[in-house]
Amino acid sequence: MAIPAAKFLMFLFLIRSKSGLATALDNCLFLGEEEKNSLYEDGDVVIGGLFPLHYSPVSSLPSYKMKPIHNMYNYSSRALRWMQTMTFAIKEINQRSDFLPQIKLGFHILDSSDDIPVSLRASLLLVNGQPERGYRAEIVNRANGQKRNTGSNLGCSAIQRTVSPVIIGDAASGVSMALLRSLGSFHIPLVSYFASCSCLSNQRDFPTFMRTMPSDAFQIRALARLVSYFGWTWVGVIGVESDYARFAIQLFLQESEQYGVCAAYTHFYPVVLTQQALDELMDVIQMASSKVIINFSGESEMNGILKEIRHQNITGLQWIASEAWATAKSLWEQFGDLMTGTLGFAIRRADVIPGLKQHLTSLRPSHIHESAFLAEYWEELFNCRLNGSVNSHSHGGDNYQDRLPCKGTEDLNDVYSPYSDVTQLRVSYNVYKAVYLVAHALQDMSKCIVGRGPFLNGTCADPKKFKPWQLLHYMKHANFSALGEKVNFDHNGDPIAYYDLLNWQSRPDGSLNLVKVGFYDASSPAGRSLVINDSVIQWPVGKQASRSVCSDSCPPGSRIARRKGEPICCFDCVPCAEGEVSNETDSLECLRCSEDTWPNEDRELCIPKTIEFLSYHDIMGIVLCVVSVLGACISLSILTIFFTHKDTPLVRANNMELSLLLLVFLAVCFLVGLLFIGEPSDWLCCIRYPAFGISFALCISCLLAKTAVVLMAFRSTLPGSNVMKWFGPNQQRTSTLLGMAVQVIICLIWLLTSPPHANNNTDYHSATIIIECVPGSEIGFWCVLGYIGILACVCFLMAFLARKLPDNFNEAKFITFSMLIFFAVWITFIPVYVSTAGKYTVAVHIFAILASAFGLLFCIFAPKCYIIILKPEKNSKKNMMQK
C-alpha cells in the first residue's frame, strides 16, 4: 500500500540526569502538527471514535524533498452519519436516569481517513490525550530554545485532555489490524463497527479486539450458499489488495468447494487503480466465460472499476457484492444501468433508531461552524461558506473562497443526502450497539461488590478511574438488548451473524431500491440458514438467473467424471454402468441396484426386475401345452384302436401287451412336458427331471423288449431252437421293469444327494430374473440322460440287426427308423440346451421330449393304424406271412 505524507503525534521525553541519582521531566516536546479537526465532549469516561470521514482515491509515496502534506480527500457523508450516531447514542445514555446515573460519558472523535498512518496517529492522540491550545505555543517555544514564561511550570501531565480507555473504530479491517498491533500491547480495547476480516477473530494475535460486525467467515458461507443456490458453479472472484480481501477470497475458495463451486479466475487489484491495473482486470473479465463476479472491495475501488467497465462497454455482468459495498447508494447514482440486478449480503438493519433522524437533521449553521466535520459537510452539501467556519479541507477543482456565504435558512429536510437517509441503518446500527456495549460494561463494573469482584483478591474497578484491561473484562462478558435485539458475543468477540440479502432494483423514477429478497441466519440449522424469495428478484438480463457453469450439470442417470488437472466444476458426464443408477443431478457416483431390481431405461430409478419363466399364459407355453395334450390324446386314441382290434393278426403279431404299455408310456411322456411349464418351485423341480427320465426309460425299455421279441421270434423258427421259452411275456415285463428300475435308482440317488431346485438366475440377463430349475447335480442330470441314451443305443443296434428279417410287416424297421429320429432330436438338443437360457431352455427341453415322443409314436404305430383303419383287408394272417 502506498503511504501518503502523514504526521505522527507523540511525546518525546528528554530525560536529563541530575546529581546522577534522580531524573526529572524537564522538557516535553510535541512532534507533528496539532489536530484541529476533532469532535470532543468531556465526561467521566471519554469514549474514543475513529471514522473514515475522508478518503483518498489517489495515493503516492512521499519524496521527502519537501515537507509531506495530506492529499486532497473526498468526503464521506455516510461516515458522518456513523459519527453522529455515536454522539447520539452517548447523549441518549447520558439523558437516561435508569442507566449509568452516576457516570457521564464523553466522546473524542477523530478522522481516520481510511488510511493506516492517519489512523495510527489519531489513535495515539485518543489514548494519550491532546495538548490544550494554550499550552501548545509554550511547548513549541521551549522546543525552539526560547525562555519559559514566568510561572508556567509545564509538565506532560498538565497539557493533556482526558484520555480514552476504549476506541470505537475503525471501519476497515486492515486499519484495525494496524491499530491493534500498536494498542494491543497496552491492552486498550478496540470495538469495530465495520471491520469484518475473519483474521481479526484470532484472539491470540488480537486479544483486545471486539466488534459488532459479523466475521467474514459467516459472510463467506452465505456467499457460497448463494452462488450454489442459483447454480453458479463457475464464478469470477476479484478483490482489492488488502488483508480483508485476501482472507475473504481464501475462505471463499475453501468453502465453495463443498458446493461444487469453483473460481473461473481469482484476481487482485491494487488500492490505487492505475490504468494498467484496470486494463489487466478488464482483460481477465472479458476473457473469462463466467459472467458472475464476486468483488471484495470498498465503495471507492468499485467506483473506479465501474468507470472502466462503462468506458469499455462491458455489459451483462451479474455482480455479487460483499457487505463492504452492498448498500453503497452512491454507486447507483453514476452506474445504475450497470448495477441493476446486483445481489449482496448486508448486515442486519435497524428498522428505526428512535430520535436519530431528528438528531441528524437538527443541525443549524448557528452551532455547527465550530465543528470542522459538520461545517465541511454543510458547506459541501449547500455549496456555500459559513462565517467563522473552521473547515480547512478544500476539494479538487473547487475554489472555496469564491463560494457565497450561507444564508442561514438552509434545512437538511429540504435536500436528500446519504447523511440524513435512515432507511438503511446498518453500519449506524453497529455503531449504536458498540456504544451500548461499552456502556453496559461500565454498568456491570459499577454493580461490582467489593470482595466478590473479578480481579485479584475479589477487588473491583472504579467506574470513573479504571484500567482499560479492566473494562475489557466486562466487555467480553457483556450480554444486553438493543432495540429489541439480543446482543451477545462468542469467545472470539464476534456477534451472532445475520445478513439481509439485497437486490439492487430501479424505481420508476430511476432511483435505487434496495429490496430484501432473503436472509442468512447463522444460528439456524445448516439446511435452513439461507432463505431466498426468487420471485421478487430483478436480474441484469432477462427474467431469470443467468447460467454460469464450466460444465453443464450431469442429469440423473449419469455421474461426474473429473477432468484431470482442471477445477472440480469442470467435468464430463458419464452414464451409469449397467446395474447402477443415480437419481440426483451432478451425482458423484452411481449406486448399484439390489439383486431383485434393475435400472430403468434412463438409469435414474431402480425398478423390479422382469420375472421370466415359461408360463401357461405365454404364447409359446400355450402352444407347447396344446401339443403335449394333443400327443397324449393321440397316444390314448391309438391305444383305444389297438385294444379294439386286439384280436386282429396285425395287433397280435406286434406283441399287443408291449404295444399297449408303450402307448401308455408315450402318453405319459407327452404329459411330462406339462411339468416344464409354469413357475418352477422346489417340489416341481424334484418331480420334473425324474418323471422325464423314468418315462423315457420305460418307453425305450418297451421298445428294447419288442425288438428282442422280434429277434427271438425268428430265432425260434429255426430247427431245434427254444429261445422263446426263455423270453415269454413274464420275461418281457421283467426286462421292461428292470430297465426302468435302473433309472429309478439313478433318480433316487440324485434326489437324495443333490436334488434339483428352483433358482433365481440373474447372470444371463441382468435386467431379468430367470426362475429356473437347476439340476443341483450336473452328474445326476447327465446320468439320467446318458442312461436313456444307452438304452436307445442298445435298442437301435438290436433293431438294426433285425431290420432284414423275413416278414411282410417287420416292426424292427420302424423301430430302427424311430431310434434314428430319437438320436437326431437329442443330439441336436444338447448344444441348443447348453447355449440358451431362461424360458427358451425349457422350451427346447419340452420340444425335445415332444419331438422324440412323436417320432416314436408315428414311426412305430402310424403304419399299423394305417392298415387297421384304412386297409383292413391287409390285416390278415395270410398277408402277414407273405414275404
Foldseek 3Di string as FASTA:
>chain_A
DAAAQDWAWDWDFDWDDDPNPDIDGDATATDDDADQFKDKDDWLAAEEEEFQQWADLDHHHDPPPDRTDDDFTDGDLLRVLLVLLLVVLLVVQCPDCVFPVVTRYMYMYDYCNPHQVSVLRSLCCQQQFGFDPVCPVQNVCVVVVHDHDPPPPDDSVVGGDDHHQEYEDDQEQQNVLSNQQVCVVQLRAYEYLHYAAQVLLPCVSRVRYFYAAFHLLQQLLVVLVVCLVQQFQEEAEEEEPGSRRVRNVVSNQVNNVVSNHHYLYYYYAYSNHDPVSLVVVVVSQVVTPFQEYEYHYAPSVVLVNLVVCVVVVDADHAYEYEQRCQPVQVSCVPPVLRQAQHKYWHFDFDQDDPPSLVSQFVDFLVPCQSNQSSQVVVCVVVVAHEVNHPHPRDHPPDDHVPHHHDPRPDTPVVDDDSNSDRRGCGSSVRSSVVSVLLSVLLVVLVPQDACCDPDPNRGGADSSDGHSNNSSVSSQADWDDDSRRTWHADNSNRTFGKIFIWGWHADPVGGTDTDGFWMAGPVDPPVPRTDGNLCPGTHSDDNGDDHHALDDKAAWQWEWDDDPPDRSRHTDTGGADFQWTDQDIHHHHTHGDDQQWGADPSRHDTHGFAEFAAACPDPLNVVLLVLLQVQLVVLVVLLVLCVVPVVFQVCVVQPVVLSNQLSNLLSQLSVLLNLRHDFFFFVSQLCNLLSNLLSLLLNLLSLLLSLVCLVVVLVCPDPPDDSCVVNDPVNSVVSSVVSSVVSVVLSVVQCVPFAKGWDFDCPPPVRYTFTDIDRRDPVSNVVSVVSSVVSLVSSLVSLVVSVPPDWLCRLSVLSNQLSVQLCVLVVVLVVVLVPDDGNVNSSSVSCSSSRSSVSNCCSRRVVVCCCVPVNVVCSHPVNGNDD
